[in-house]
Amino acid sequence: MVQAPEAQPAAPPRARPVVVTILCIFGFLGIPLTVWMIFSGAVSGIAPWYPALLGASTVIGLICLIGLWMMRKWAVYLYAAFTAVSQVILFATGIWTPMALIIPVVFVAVMAAYLPRMN
């Protein structure tokens, strides 16, 4: 008699950690504020090219937030790479501040802590 293989229990879905959810929510809430800053001219006095950098940062940040919401490793790598590029640009142009580094480093550190749980 041939016995049917026993069904394997389905693996539980990888739940998004609360900390990652909170970071994503704050990030999603910050996107409209950043867009407003770009189009209101609030950041145009920093440097003539800064609104374009902030716009690119907003788009890449939104892509990373969507990837992070879906628990994707590429989102962490993309965010870390863009953070590094942004820091170099800000430093080279003389508009770098410690706050420009602190928030992204905390964000990357939290995301990196959950990297093994991501797909």
Protein backbone atom coordinates (compact mmCIF):
# COMPACT_ATOMS: atom_id res chain seq x y z
CA MET A 1 0.00 0.00 0.00
CA VAL A 2 1.35 3.44 -0.97
CA GLN A 3 1.10 5.95 1.74
CA ALA A 4 0.51 9.60 0.93
CA PRO A 5 3.23 11.89 2.20
CA GLU A 6 2.24 13.83 5.22
CA ALA A 7 1.48 17.43 4.56
CA GLN A 8 4.07 19.80 5.91
CA PRO A 9 2.67 22.59 8.00
CA ALA A 10 2.90 25.90 6.20
CA ALA A 11 5.69 28.11 7.44
CA PRO A 12 4.33 31.06 9.34
CA PRO A 13 4.53 34.26 7.32
CA ARG A 14 7.38 36.50 8.26
CA ALA A 15 5.74 39.19 10.29
CA ARG A 16 7.07 42.70 9.99
CA PRO A 17 8.64 43.71 13.31
CA VAL A 18 6.93 46.54 15.16
CA VAL A 19 10.06 48.71 14.99
CA VAL A 20 10.22 48.35 11.19
CA THR A 21 6.50 49.17 10.95
CA ILE A 22 7.00 52.31 13.05
CA LEU A 23 9.98 53.42 10.93
CA CYS A 24 7.96 52.88 7.76
CA ILE A 25 4.98 54.82 9.07
CA PHE A 26 7.16 57.77 10.08
CA GLY A 27 8.88 57.58 6.71
CA PHE A 28 5.58 57.51 4.81
CA LEU A 29 4.34 60.47 6.87
CA GLY A 30 7.54 62.39 6.13
CA ILE A 31 7.23 62.05 2.35
CA PRO A 32 4.46 64.68 1.93
CA LEU A 33 6.36 67.09 4.20
CA THR A 34 9.48 66.68 2.09
CA VAL A 35 7.55 67.17 -1.14
CA TRP A 36 6.02 70.33 0.32
CA MET A 37 9.49 71.62 1.26
CA ILE A 38 10.73 71.07 -2.29
CA PHE A 39 7.85 72.83 -4.01
CA SER A 40 7.38 75.61 -1.46
CA GLY A 41 10.92 76.84 -1.99
CA ALA A 42 11.76 76.32 1.67
CA VAL A 43 15.02 74.58 0.75
CA SER A 44 15.94 76.57 -2.34
CA GLY A 45 18.15 78.90 -0.28
CA ILE A 46 20.48 76.07 0.74
CA ALA A 47 21.93 75.58 -2.75
CA PRO A 48 20.44 75.87 -6.22
CA TRP A 49 20.76 72.12 -6.81
CA TYR A 50 19.54 71.06 -3.36
CA PRO A 51 15.82 70.76 -4.27
CA ALA A 52 16.77 68.29 -7.03
CA LEU A 53 18.85 66.23 -4.58
CA LEU A 54 16.03 66.32 -2.06
CA GLY A 55 13.57 65.25 -4.77
CA ALA A 56 15.78 62.30 -5.78
CA SER A 57 16.22 61.43 -2.12
CA THR A 58 12.45 61.49 -1.63
CA VAL A 59 11.79 59.18 -4.58
CA ILE A 60 14.54 56.74 -3.56
CA GLY A 61 13.38 56.94 0.05
CA LEU A 62 9.82 56.09 -0.97
CA ILE A 63 11.05 53.12 -3.00
CA CYS A 64 13.09 51.95 0.00
CA LEU A 65 10.14 52.38 2.36
CA ILE A 66 7.94 50.27 0.10
CA GLY A 67 10.66 47.61 -0.04
CA LEU A 68 11.15 47.75 3.71
CA TRP A 69 7.38 47.47 4.26
CA MET A 70 7.53 44.29 2.16
CA MET A 71 10.59 43.15 4.20
CA ARG A 72 13.00 43.10 1.24
CA LYS A 73 16.77 43.09 1.72
CA TRP A 74 17.36 45.20 -1.37
CA ALA A 75 15.60 48.10 0.38
CA VAL A 76 18.24 48.08 3.12
CA TYR A 77 21.10 47.93 0.61
CA LEU A 78 19.63 50.67 -1.58
CA TYR A 79 18.97 52.96 1.38
CA ALA A 80 22.47 52.42 2.79
CA ALA A 81 24.08 53.08 -0.60
CA PHE A 82 22.06 56.21 -1.24
CA THR A 83 22.79 57.44 2.27
CA ALA A 84 26.51 57.06 1.62
CA VAL A 85 26.28 58.91 -1.70
CA SER A 86 24.21 61.68 -0.14
CA GLN A 87 26.69 62.11 2.71
CA VAL A 88 29.57 62.46 0.26
CA ILE A 89 27.65 65.05 -1.79
CA LEU A 90 26.65 67.05 1.28
CA PHE A 91 30.17 66.93 2.73
CA ALA A 92 31.85 67.84 -0.56
CA THR A 93 29.60 70.84 -1.02
CA GLY A 94 30.01 72.07 2.53
CA ILE A 95 26.39 71.73 3.66
CA TRP A 96 26.83 68.54 5.69
CA THR A 97 25.61 68.56 9.30
CA PRO A 98 25.79 65.82 11.93
CA MET A 99 21.99 65.54 11.88
CA ALA A 100 22.21 64.61 8.19
CA LEU A 101 24.11 61.52 9.31
CA ILE A 102 22.53 60.59 12.65
CA ILE A 103 19.00 59.82 11.42
CA PRO A 104 20.07 57.73 8.39
CA VAL A 105 22.61 55.77 10.47
CA VAL A 106 19.97 54.91 13.08
CA PHE A 107 17.59 53.93 10.29
CA VAL A 108 20.21 51.71 8.60
CA ALA A 109 21.22 50.15 11.94
CA VAL A 110 17.63 49.20 12.76
CA MET A 111 17.06 47.82 9.27
CA ALA A 112 20.34 45.89 9.37
CA ALA A 113 19.33 44.32 12.68
CA TYR A 114 16.30 42.78 10.95
CA LEU A 115 18.09 41.90 7.70
CA PRO A 116 18.16 38.16 8.46
CA ARG A 117 14.36 38.17 8.71
CA MET A 118 13.96 39.77 5.28
CA ASN A 119 13.57 38.12 1.92
